[in-house]
Amino acid sequence: MKKHSTGLLFARGAALLFAALCVALVVSYASTKQTESTCSTAQICVAFLDMGQGDAIYIRSPSGKSMLVDGGRDASVLRQLDMVVPREDSSLTYVVATHPDLDHIGGLTAVVDHYRPQEFLTIKSEKSTGATEQLDAMIIDKNVNRVVLQSGDVYDLGAGVLVSVLYPFQDIEAEDSNEESIVLMVTYGESRFLLTGDAPMLVEHMLVRTYGDTLRADVLKAGHHGSKTSSSAYFLAAVDPAVTVISAGKDNSYGHPHEPVIAALLGAGTQILSTIENSTIITESDGQKITVRRR
């Protein structure tokens, strides 16, 4: 599938080399005339919500089935969802917690309480915090079915939309929670979206060795908010994304996205979009052509 022109290029850092490269890669939105902020009901929608220094990704199939991957740090995710979820169908079919870090699960207690999804999908983790305990209690209180994911699992969202679990592998021994982060491939027709959570380079390399060319995706969610712990050149060469989305907070204390990651992404020829510059980023596809717009 050919790479599609999309929107504003995000550049970070004062380096003049980066600035020059960024100017060269700026292109126009394919859908700037669209003013509707909610997801289309006729196409697949993958919306990268502006959660500051956190992750939350809303996926909606033309069938009406939907999935939320992570929920940011707090209940503000409900406000972000309200802006993209179609008014005529405000349900959530699945909620995914990629790993138990606060900036990914902090808002999921409110999500489970408000939406009561059919299933809550997560990993088997030994990490226990106040946030995980509150979330576990809400899942039980709302009688939501809890499922532990592993590679090979596939969720059918209807209308040809499939969500495949690429990672974690069975019986993986992770040294930290990022190394057990769920990685998903969303497919619809010829369009492919790769969501990597906080997966570090160690996991990226395992993915390339396991899946090879089948990792190719049109849209990539950069791992770990653009941290230099992720987005290796080896991995980017295998994925070959047309668009890479970085979900990070303005002036965050981690310095995300890191300049080596921006350099690697530019070297890979991908268009870079960040929630810092663009707020919520909505990607949609009819199965062939992908369009990108800002909320």
C-alpha atoms as a PDB file:
ATOM      1  CA  MET A   1       0.000   0.000   0.000  1.00  0.00           C
ATOM      2  CA  LYS A   2       1.407   3.395  -0.915  1.00  0.00           C
ATOM      3  CA  LYS A   3       2.093   5.876   1.825  1.00  0.00           C
ATOM      4  CA  HIS A   4      -0.520   8.587   2.104  1.00  0.00           C
ATOM      5  CA  SER A   5       0.104  12.278   2.602  1.00  0.00           C
ATOM      6  CA  THR A   6      -1.042  13.372   6.021  1.00  0.00           C
ATOM      7  CA  GLY A   7      -0.735  16.333   8.272  1.00  0.00           C
ATOM      8  CA  LEU A   8       1.534  18.566  10.221  1.00  0.00           C
ATOM      9  CA  LEU A   9       4.989  17.300  11.017  1.00  0.00           C
ATOM     10  CA  PHE A  10       5.959  17.532  14.666  1.00  0.00           C
ATOM     11  CA  ALA A  11       9.509  18.649  15.380  1.00  0.00           C
ATOM     12  CA  ARG A  12      11.177  19.012  18.761  1.00  0.00           C
ATOM     13  CA  GLY A  13      14.488  20.497  19.785  1.00  0.00           C
ATOM     14  CA  ALA A  14      16.528  23.474  18.753  1.00  0.00           C
ATOM     15  CA  ALA A  15      18.873  21.678  16.384  1.00  0.00           C
ATOM     16  CA  LEU A  16      18.882  23.437  13.038  1.00  0.00           C
ATOM     17  CA  LEU A  17      19.353  20.136  11.253  1.00  0.00           C
ATOM     18  CA  PHE A  18      16.072  18.859  12.665  1.00  0.00           C
ATOM     19  CA  ALA A  19      14.324  22.097  11.756  1.00  0.00           C
ATOM     20  CA  ALA A  20      15.527  21.908   8.169  1.00  0.00           C
ATOM     21  CA  LEU A  21      14.444  18.303   7.830  1.00  0.00           C
ATOM     22  CA  CYS A  22      11.064  19.093   9.340  1.00  0.00           C
ATOM     23  CA  VAL A  23      10.356  21.903   6.901  1.00  0.00           C
ATOM     24  CA  ALA A  24      11.167  19.568   4.039  1.00  0.00           C
ATOM     25  CA  LEU A  25       8.648  17.008   5.236  1.00  0.00           C
ATOM     26  CA  VAL A  26       5.644  19.186   6.055  1.00  0.00           C
ATOM     27  CA  VAL A  27       2.597  18.242   3.978  1.00  0.00           C
ATOM     28  CA  SER A  28      -1.061  19.190   4.000  1.00  0.00           C
ATOM     29  CA  TYR A  29      -3.935  17.283   5.554  1.00  0.00           C
ATOM     30  CA  ALA A  30      -6.011  15.193   3.192  1.00  0.00           C
ATOM     31  CA  SER A  31      -9.084  16.109   5.174  1.00  0.00           C
ATOM     32  CA  THR A  32      -8.692  19.687   6.363  1.00  0.00           C
ATOM     33  CA  LYS A  33     -12.236  20.486   5.245  1.00  0.00           C
ATOM     34  CA  GLN A  34     -13.653  18.085   7.812  1.00  0.00           C
ATOM     35  CA  THR A  35     -14.867  19.935  10.885  1.00  0.00           C
ATOM     36  CA  GLU A  36     -16.711  17.087  12.616  1.00  0.00           C
ATOM     37  CA  SER A  37     -14.678  15.998  15.633  1.00  0.00           C
ATOM     38  CA  THR A  38     -16.350  12.644  16.223  1.00  0.00           C
ATOM     39  CA  CYS A  39     -15.224   9.444  14.549  1.00  0.00           C
ATOM     40  CA  SER A  40     -16.817   8.431  11.271  1.00  0.00           C
ATOM     41  CA  THR A  41     -19.374   5.638  11.499  1.00  0.00           C
ATOM     42  CA  ALA A  42     -18.755   4.529   7.902  1.00  0.00           C
ATOM     43  CA  GLN A  43     -15.004   3.839   8.145  1.00  0.00           C
ATOM     44  CA  ILE A  44     -12.562   2.475  10.666  1.00  0.00           C
ATOM     45  CA  CYS A  45     -11.508   5.173  13.102  1.00  0.00           C
ATOM     46  CA  VAL A  46      -8.354   5.058  15.216  1.00  0.00           C
ATOM     47  CA  ALA A  47      -8.187   8.168  17.412  1.00  0.00           C
ATOM     48  CA  PHE A  48      -5.096   8.976  19.467  1.00  0.00           C
ATOM     49  CA  LEU A  49      -6.533  10.959  22.358  1.00  0.00           C
ATOM     50  CA  ASP A  50      -4.722  13.934  23.844  1.00  0.00           C
ATOM     51  CA  MET A  51      -4.032  12.668  27.354  1.00  0.00           C
ATOM     52  CA  GLY A  52      -0.942  14.764  28.029  1.00  0.00           C
ATOM     53  CA  GLN A  53       1.828  12.465  29.244  1.00  0.00           C
ATOM     54  CA  GLY A  54      -0.202   9.295  28.763  1.00  0.00           C
ATOM     55  CA  ASP A  55      -1.795   6.969  26.220  1.00  0.00           C
ATOM     56  CA  ALA A  56      -5.400   6.383  25.191  1.00  0.00           C
ATOM     57  CA  ILE A  57      -6.436   5.135  21.753  1.00  0.00           C
ATOM     58  CA  TYR A  58     -10.059   4.751  20.654  1.00  0.00           C
ATOM     59  CA  ILE A  59     -10.815   2.284  17.843  1.00  0.00           C
ATOM     60  CA  ARG A  60     -14.210   2.068  16.153  1.00  0.00           C
ATOM     61  CA  SER A  61     -15.275  -0.356  13.431  1.00  0.00           C
ATOM     62  CA  PRO A  62     -17.952   0.486  10.843  1.00  0.00           C
ATOM     63  CA  SER A  63     -19.921  -2.299  12.554  1.00  0.00           C
ATOM     64  CA  GLY A  64     -20.215  -0.158  15.677  1.00  0.00           C
ATOM     65  CA  LYS A  65     -17.972  -2.347  17.823  1.00  0.00           C
ATOM     66  CA  SER A  66     -15.254  -0.414  19.597  1.00  0.00           C
ATOM     67  CA  MET A  67     -12.132  -0.757  21.703  1.00  0.00           C
ATOM     68  CA  LEU A  68     -10.247   1.603  23.999  1.00  0.00           C
ATOM     69  CA  VAL A  69      -6.543   0.867  24.359  1.00  0.00           C
ATOM     70  CA  ASP A  70      -5.344   2.420  27.637  1.00  0.00           C
ATOM     71  CA  GLY A  71      -6.942   5.334  29.447  1.00  0.00           C
ATOM     72  CA  GLY A  72      -4.320   7.895  30.333  1.00  0.00           C
ATOM     73  CA  ARG A  73      -3.550   9.067  33.841  1.00  0.00           C
ATOM     74  CA  ASP A  74      -6.986  10.103  35.132  1.00  0.00           C
ATOM     75  CA  ALA A  75     -10.715  10.493  34.499  1.00  0.00           C
ATOM     76  CA  SER A  76     -10.145  13.266  31.943  1.00  0.00           C
ATOM     77  CA  VAL A  77     -10.188  10.420  29.418  1.00  0.00           C
ATOM     78  CA  LEU A  78     -13.998  10.535  29.651  1.00  0.00           C
ATOM     79  CA  ARG A  79     -14.008  14.086  28.315  1.00  0.00           C
ATOM     80  CA  GLN A  80     -11.680  13.113  25.484  1.00  0.00           C
ATOM     81  CA  LEU A  81     -13.842  10.120  24.594  1.00  0.00           C
ATOM     82  CA  ASP A  82     -16.965  12.257  24.610  1.00  0.00           C
ATOM     83  CA  MET A  83     -15.411  14.342  21.846  1.00  0.00           C
ATOM     84  CA  VAL A  84     -14.748  11.427  19.474  1.00  0.00           C
ATOM     85  CA  VAL A  85     -17.326   8.727  20.259  1.00  0.00           C
ATOM     86  CA  PRO A  86     -20.313   9.026  17.874  1.00  0.00           C
ATOM     87  CA  ARG A  87     -23.363  10.339  19.716  1.00  0.00           C
ATOM     88  CA  GLU A  88     -25.650   7.660  18.300  1.00  0.00           C
ATOM     89  CA  ASP A  89     -23.580   4.840  19.813  1.00  0.00           C
ATOM     90  CA  SER A  90     -21.712   5.648  22.996  1.00  0.00           C
ATOM     91  CA  SER A  91     -20.904   2.086  24.045  1.00  0.00           C
ATOM     92  CA  LEU A  92     -17.487   0.460  24.423  1.00  0.00           C
ATOM     93  CA  THR A  93     -17.117  -3.201  23.498  1.00  0.00           C
ATOM     94  CA  TYR A  94     -13.593  -3.777  24.790  1.00  0.00           C
ATOM     95  CA  VAL A  95     -11.140  -1.978  27.050  1.00  0.00           C
ATOM     96  CA  VAL A  96      -7.441  -2.878  26.925  1.00  0.00           C
ATOM     97  CA  ALA A  97      -4.809  -2.124  29.564  1.00  0.00           C
ATOM     98  CA  THR A  98      -1.473  -2.637  27.808  1.00  0.00           C
ATOM     99  CA  HIS A  99       0.446  -2.669  31.117  1.00  0.00           C
ATOM    100  CA  PRO A 100      -0.154  -1.396  34.654  1.00  0.00           C
ATOM    101  CA  ASP A 101       1.687   1.965  34.565  1.00  0.00           C
ATOM    102  CA  LEU A 102      -0.375   4.870  35.901  1.00  0.00           C
ATOM    103  CA  ASP A 103      -0.178   6.931  32.694  1.00  0.00           C
ATOM    104  CA  HIS A 104      -1.903   4.066  30.870  1.00  0.00           C
ATOM    105  CA  ILE A 105      -4.439   2.774  33.408  1.00  0.00           C
ATOM    106  CA  GLY A 106      -5.157   5.725  35.702  1.00  0.00           C
ATOM    107  CA  GLY A 107      -8.297   6.686  33.782  1.00  0.00           C
ATOM    108  CA  LEU A 108      -9.602   3.166  33.187  1.00  0.00           C
ATOM    109  CA  THR A 109     -11.436   2.910  36.506  1.00  0.00           C
ATOM    110  CA  ALA A 110     -13.643   5.804  35.388  1.00  0.00           C
ATOM    111  CA  VAL A 111     -14.014   4.250  31.925  1.00  0.00           C
ATOM    112  CA  VAL A 112     -15.176   0.887  33.298  1.00  0.00           C
ATOM    113  CA  ASP A 113     -17.560   2.667  35.653  1.00  0.00           C
ATOM    114  CA  HIS A 114     -19.049   4.874  32.914  1.00  0.00           C
ATOM    115  CA  TYR A 115     -19.142   2.508  29.916  1.00  0.00           C
ATOM    116  CA  ARG A 116     -19.238  -0.976  31.491  1.00  0.00           C
ATOM    117  CA  PRO A 117     -17.508  -2.694  28.549  1.00  0.00           C
ATOM    118  CA  GLN A 118     -18.213  -6.293  27.604  1.00  0.00           C
ATOM    119  CA  GLU A 119     -14.636  -7.371  28.276  1.00  0.00           C
ATOM    120  CA  PHE A 120     -11.547  -5.973  29.965  1.00  0.00           C
ATOM    121  CA  LEU A 121      -8.374  -7.201  28.257  1.00  0.00           C
ATOM    122  CA  THR A 122      -5.009  -7.066  29.970  1.00  0.00           C
ATOM    123  CA  ILE A 123      -1.819  -8.917  30.857  1.00  0.00           C
ATOM    124  CA  LYS A 124      -0.901 -11.172  33.734  1.00  0.00           C
ATOM    125  CA  SER A 125       1.164  -8.864  35.926  1.00  0.00           C
ATOM    126  CA  GLU A 126       2.505  -9.006  39.462  1.00  0.00           C
ATOM    127  CA  LYS A 127       2.583  -5.213  39.769  1.00  0.00           C
ATOM    128  CA  SER A 128       0.141  -3.924  42.373  1.00  0.00           C
ATOM    129  CA  THR A 129      -0.523  -0.246  43.082  1.00  0.00           C
ATOM    130  CA  GLY A 130      -3.379   1.853  44.360  1.00  0.00           C
ATOM    131  CA  ALA A 131      -4.460   2.407  40.751  1.00  0.00           C
ATOM    132  CA  THR A 132      -4.478  -1.306  39.894  1.00  0.00           C
ATOM    133  CA  GLU A 133      -6.415  -2.128  43.060  1.00  0.00           C
ATOM    134  CA  GLN A 134      -9.083   0.493  42.306  1.00  0.00           C
ATOM    135  CA  LEU A 135      -9.357  -0.757  38.733  1.00  0.00           C
ATOM    136  CA  ASP A 136      -9.643  -4.397  39.799  1.00  0.00           C
ATOM    137  CA  ALA A 137     -12.380  -3.489  42.271  1.00  0.00           C
ATOM    138  CA  MET A 138     -14.355  -1.597  39.618  1.00  0.00           C
ATOM    139  CA  ILE A 139     -14.092  -4.492  37.143  1.00  0.00           C
ATOM    140  CA  ILE A 140     -15.552  -6.802  39.779  1.00  0.00           C
ATOM    141  CA  ASP A 141     -18.218  -4.296  40.827  1.00  0.00           C
ATOM    142  CA  LYS A 142     -19.419  -3.837  37.230  1.00  0.00           C
ATOM    143  CA  ASN A 143     -19.250  -7.585  36.550  1.00  0.00           C
ATOM    144  CA  VAL A 144     -16.998  -7.067  33.523  1.00  0.00           C
ATOM    145  CA  ASN A 145     -15.376 -10.178  32.074  1.00  0.00           C
ATOM    146  CA  ARG A 146     -11.593 -10.016  32.504  1.00  0.00           C
ATOM    147  CA  VAL A 147      -9.361 -11.703  29.903  1.00  0.00           C
ATOM    148  CA  VAL A 148      -5.574 -12.135  29.965  1.00  0.00           C
ATOM    149  CA  LEU A 149      -4.146 -11.618  26.483  1.00  0.00           C
ATOM    150  CA  GLN A 150      -1.189 -13.236  24.784  1.00  0.00           C
ATOM    151  CA  SER A 151       0.228 -13.334  21.270  1.00  0.00           C
ATOM    152  CA  GLY A 152      -1.997 -15.123  18.782  1.00  0.00           C
ATOM    153  CA  ASP A 153      -5.270 -13.805  20.188  1.00  0.00           C
ATOM    154  CA  VAL A 154      -7.472 -12.062  17.603  1.00  0.00           C
ATOM    155  CA  TYR A 155     -10.509  -9.868  18.255  1.00  0.00           C
ATOM    156  CA  ASP A 156     -13.057  -9.368  15.487  1.00  0.00           C
ATOM    157  CA  LEU A 157     -14.662  -5.925  15.623  1.00  0.00           C
ATOM    158  CA  GLY A 158     -16.917  -6.715  12.676  1.00  0.00           C
ATOM    159  CA  ALA A 159     -17.050  -5.292   9.144  1.00  0.00           C
ATOM    160  CA  GLY A 160     -13.605  -6.769   8.466  1.00  0.00           C
ATOM    161  CA  VAL A 161     -11.768  -5.024  11.331  1.00  0.00           C
ATOM    162  CA  LEU A 162      -9.408  -7.361  13.192  1.00  0.00           C
ATOM    163  CA  VAL A 163      -7.269  -6.615  16.235  1.00  0.00           C
ATOM    164  CA  SER A 164      -4.402  -9.092  16.562  1.00  0.00           C
ATOM    165  CA  VAL A 165      -2.279  -9.479  19.683  1.00  0.00           C
ATOM    166  CA  LEU A 166       1.378  -9.663  18.646  1.00  0.00           C
ATOM    167  CA  TYR A 167       2.841  -9.515  22.146  1.00  0.00           C
ATOM    168  CA  PRO A 168       3.356 -10.540  24.967  1.00  0.00           C
ATOM    169  CA  PHE A 169       4.513 -14.014  24.100  1.00  0.00           C
ATOM    170  CA  GLN A 170       3.440 -16.856  26.346  1.00  0.00           C
ATOM    171  CA  ASP A 171       5.430 -17.188  29.583  1.00  0.00           C
ATOM    172  CA  ILE A 172       7.487 -14.075  28.879  1.00  0.00           C
ATOM    173  CA  GLU A 173       9.755 -13.104  31.784  1.00  0.00           C
ATOM    174  CA  ALA A 174       9.835  -9.312  31.925  1.00  0.00           C
ATOM    175  CA  GLU A 175      12.177  -7.258  34.092  1.00  0.00           C
ATOM    176  CA  ASP A 176       9.811  -4.286  34.131  1.00  0.00           C
ATOM    177  CA  SER A 177       6.228  -3.536  33.135  1.00  0.00           C
ATOM    178  CA  ASN A 178       7.193  -1.948  29.807  1.00  0.00           C
ATOM    179  CA  GLU A 179       8.707  -5.246  28.671  1.00  0.00           C
ATOM    180  CA  GLU A 180       5.324  -6.948  29.078  1.00  0.00           C
ATOM    181  CA  SER A 181       3.357  -4.202  27.313  1.00  0.00           C
ATOM    182  CA  ILE A 182       0.670  -5.450  24.920  1.00  0.00           C
ATOM    183  CA  VAL A 183       1.365  -4.814  21.219  1.00  0.00           C
ATOM    184  CA  LEU A 184      -1.605  -4.799  18.827  1.00  0.00           C
ATOM    185  CA  MET A 185      -1.998  -4.790  15.047  1.00  0.00           C
ATOM    186  CA  VAL A 186      -5.307  -3.376  13.795  1.00  0.00           C
ATOM    187  CA  THR A 187      -6.207  -4.259  10.203  1.00  0.00           C
ATOM    188  CA  TYR A 188      -8.999  -3.157   7.888  1.00  0.00           C
ATOM    189  CA  GLY A 189      -8.705  -3.977   4.205  1.00  0.00           C
ATOM    190  CA  GLU A 190      -5.239  -2.841   3.165  1.00  0.00           C
ATOM    191  CA  SER A 191      -4.868  -0.449   6.110  1.00  0.00           C
ATOM    192  CA  ARG A 192      -2.776  -1.412   9.131  1.00  0.00           C
ATOM    193  CA  PHE A 193      -2.257   0.316  12.487  1.00  0.00           C
ATOM    194  CA  LEU A 194       0.476  -0.858  14.888  1.00  0.00           C
ATOM    195  CA  LEU A 195       0.022   0.065  18.561  1.00  0.00           C
ATOM    196  CA  THR A 196       3.065  -0.617  20.719  1.00  0.00           C
ATOM    197  CA  GLY A 197       2.225   0.668  24.201  1.00  0.00           C
ATOM    198  CA  ASP A 198       5.521   1.284  26.017  1.00  0.00           C
ATOM    199  CA  ALA A 199       7.349  -1.633  24.382  1.00  0.00           C
ATOM    200  CA  PRO A 200      11.143  -1.047  24.499  1.00  0.00           C
ATOM    201  CA  MET A 201      13.755  -1.938  21.885  1.00  0.00           C
ATOM    202  CA  LEU A 202      14.207  -5.414  23.374  1.00  0.00           C
ATOM    203  CA  VAL A 203      10.576  -6.189  22.549  1.00  0.00           C
ATOM    204  CA  GLU A 204      10.791  -4.415  19.176  1.00  0.00           C
ATOM    205  CA  HIS A 205      13.655  -6.693  18.152  1.00  0.00           C
ATOM    206  CA  MET A 206      11.744  -9.791  19.265  1.00  0.00           C
ATOM    207  CA  LEU A 207       8.791  -8.617  17.170  1.00  0.00           C
ATOM    208  CA  VAL A 208      10.949  -8.182  14.059  1.00  0.00           C
ATOM    209  CA  ARG A 209      12.551 -11.597  14.514  1.00  0.00           C
ATOM    210  CA  THR A 210       9.133 -13.208  14.984  1.00  0.00           C
ATOM    211  CA  TYR A 211       6.984 -11.406  12.414  1.00  0.00           C
ATOM    212  CA  GLY A 212       9.426 -10.008   9.848  1.00  0.00           C
ATOM    213  CA  ASP A 213       7.776  -8.165   6.972  1.00  0.00           C
ATOM    214  CA  THR A 214       4.295  -8.767   8.387  1.00  0.00           C
ATOM    215  CA  LEU A 215       5.011  -5.977  10.897  1.00  0.00           C
ATOM    216  CA  ARG A 216       4.541  -3.438   8.104  1.00  0.00           C
ATOM    217  CA  ALA A 217       1.981  -0.811   9.063  1.00  0.00           C
ATOM    218  CA  ASP A 218       0.636   2.421   7.629  1.00  0.00           C
ATOM    219  CA  VAL A 219       0.250   4.073  11.040  1.00  0.00           C
ATOM    220  CA  LEU A 220       2.571   3.443  13.991  1.00  0.00           C
ATOM    221  CA  LYS A 221       2.045   4.573  17.572  1.00  0.00           C
ATOM    222  CA  ALA A 222       5.608   5.246  18.697  1.00  0.00           C
ATOM    223  CA  GLY A 223       6.575   3.247  21.748  1.00  0.00           C
ATOM    224  CA  HIS A 224       6.887   4.844  25.190  1.00  0.00           C
ATOM    225  CA  HIS A 225       5.843   8.379  24.212  1.00  0.00           C
ATOM    226  CA  GLY A 226       8.828   8.862  21.910  1.00  0.00           C
ATOM    227  CA  SER A 227      11.404   7.764  24.479  1.00  0.00           C
ATOM    228  CA  LYS A 228      14.869   6.774  23.274  1.00  0.00           C
ATOM    229  CA  THR A 229      14.193   3.372  24.851  1.00  0.00           C
ATOM    230  CA  SER A 230      11.981   2.585  21.816  1.00  0.00           C
ATOM    231  CA  SER A 231      11.727   3.210  18.057  1.00  0.00           C
ATOM    232  CA  SER A 232      14.969   1.549  16.966  1.00  0.00           C
ATOM    233  CA  ALA A 233      16.036   1.950  13.338  1.00  0.00           C
ATOM    234  CA  TYR A 234      15.861  -1.847  12.981  1.00  0.00           C
ATOM    235  CA  PHE A 235      12.223  -1.845  14.059  1.00  0.00           C
ATOM    236  CA  LEU A 236      11.252   1.190  11.968  1.00  0.00           C
ATOM    237  CA  ALA A 237      12.751  -0.410   8.859  1.00  0.00           C
ATOM    238  CA  ALA A 238      10.511  -3.444   9.347  1.00  0.00           C
ATOM    239  CA  VAL A 239       7.349  -1.442  10.071  1.00  0.00           C
ATOM    240  CA  ASP A 240       7.994   1.222   7.396  1.00  0.00           C
ATOM    241  CA  PRO A 241       5.142   3.457   8.631  1.00  0.00           C
ATOM    242  CA  ALA A 242       3.676   6.241   6.526  1.00  0.00           C
ATOM    243  CA  VAL A 243       2.627   8.067   9.700  1.00  0.00           C
ATOM    244  CA  THR A 244       3.986   7.853  13.239  1.00  0.00           C
ATOM    245  CA  VAL A 245       2.001   9.248  16.159  1.00  0.00           C
ATOM    246  CA  ILE A 246       3.727  10.308  19.369  1.00  0.00           C
ATOM    247  CA  SER A 247       1.545  10.639  22.453  1.00  0.00           C
ATOM    248  CA  ALA A 248       3.269  12.886  24.977  1.00  0.00           C
ATOM    249  CA  GLY A 249       2.615  15.861  27.231  1.00  0.00           C
ATOM    250  CA  LYS A 250       3.816  19.399  26.619  1.00  0.00           C
ATOM    251  CA  ASP A 251       6.963  20.260  28.601  1.00  0.00           C
ATOM    252  CA  ASN A 252       6.923  16.834  30.244  1.00  0.00           C
ATOM    253  CA  SER A 253       9.635  16.084  32.790  1.00  0.00           C
ATOM    254  CA  TYR A 254      10.998  13.166  30.740  1.00  0.00           C
ATOM    255  CA  GLY A 255      11.893  15.267  27.718  1.00  0.00           C
ATOM    256  CA  HIS A 256       9.705  13.125  25.448  1.00  0.00           C
ATOM    257  CA  PRO A 257       9.977  12.787  22.553  1.00  0.00           C
ATOM    258  CA  HIS A 258      13.752  12.404  22.639  1.00  0.00           C
ATOM    259  CA  GLU A 259      15.783  13.870  19.792  1.00  0.00           C
ATOM    260  CA  PRO A 260      17.394  10.540  18.763  1.00  0.00           C
ATOM    261  CA  VAL A 261      13.882   9.178  18.194  1.00  0.00           C
ATOM    262  CA  ILE A 262      12.910  12.163  16.041  1.00  0.00           C
ATOM    263  CA  ALA A 263      16.108  11.638  14.051  1.00  0.00           C
ATOM    264  CA  ALA A 264      15.367   7.931  13.617  1.00  0.00           C
ATOM    265  CA  LEU A 265      11.801   8.647  12.488  1.00  0.00           C
ATOM    266  CA  LEU A 266      12.954  11.261  10.004  1.00  0.00           C
ATOM    267  CA  GLY A 267      15.546   8.829   8.722  1.00  0.00           C
ATOM    268  CA  ALA A 268      12.801   6.253   8.206  1.00  0.00           C
ATOM    269  CA  GLY A 269      10.873   8.719   6.028  1.00  0.00           C
ATOM    270  CA  THR A 270       7.737   8.666   8.149  1.00  0.00           C
ATOM    271  CA  GLN A 271       5.509  11.669   8.766  1.00  0.00           C
ATOM    272  CA  ILE A 272       5.511  12.544  12.475  1.00  0.00           C
ATOM    273  CA  LEU A 273       2.451  13.755  14.366  1.00  0.00           C
ATOM    274  CA  SER A 274       2.353  14.460  18.092  1.00  0.00           C
ATOM    275  CA  THR A 275      -0.472  15.127  20.490  1.00  0.00           C
ATOM    276  CA  ILE A 276       1.672  17.981  21.852  1.00  0.00           C
ATOM    277  CA  GLU A 277       1.264  19.947  18.630  1.00  0.00           C
ATOM    278  CA  ASN A 278      -1.963  18.486  17.265  1.00  0.00           C
ATOM    279  CA  SER A 279      -4.064  17.524  20.307  1.00  0.00           C
ATOM    280  CA  THR A 280      -6.226  14.476  19.520  1.00  0.00           C
ATOM    281  CA  ILE A 281      -5.250  12.884  16.201  1.00  0.00           C
ATOM    282  CA  ILE A 282      -7.974  11.035  14.289  1.00  0.00           C
ATOM    283  CA  THR A 283      -6.988   8.541  11.586  1.00  0.00           C
ATOM    284  CA  GLU A 284      -9.658   6.955   9.399  1.00  0.00           C
ATOM    285  CA  SER A 285      -9.668   4.545   6.487  1.00  0.00           C
ATOM    286  CA  ASP A 286     -12.057   3.032   3.981  1.00  0.00           C
ATOM    287  CA  GLY A 287      -9.750   0.026   3.807  1.00  0.00           C
ATOM    288  CA  GLN A 288      -7.484   1.601   1.223  1.00  0.00           C
ATOM    289  CA  LYS A 289      -6.934   5.317   1.757  1.00  0.00           C
ATOM    290  CA  ILE A 290      -6.030   6.711   5.166  1.00  0.00           C
ATOM    291  CA  THR A 291      -6.928  10.273   6.122  1.00  0.00           C
ATOM    292  CA  VAL A 292      -5.721  12.169   9.164  1.00  0.00           C
ATOM    293  CA  ARG A 293      -7.297  15.098  10.954  1.00  0.00           C
ATOM    294  CA  ARG A 294      -7.008  16.940  14.212  1.00  0.00           C
ATOM    295  CA  ARG A 295      -9.827  17.417  16.646  1.00  0.00           C
END
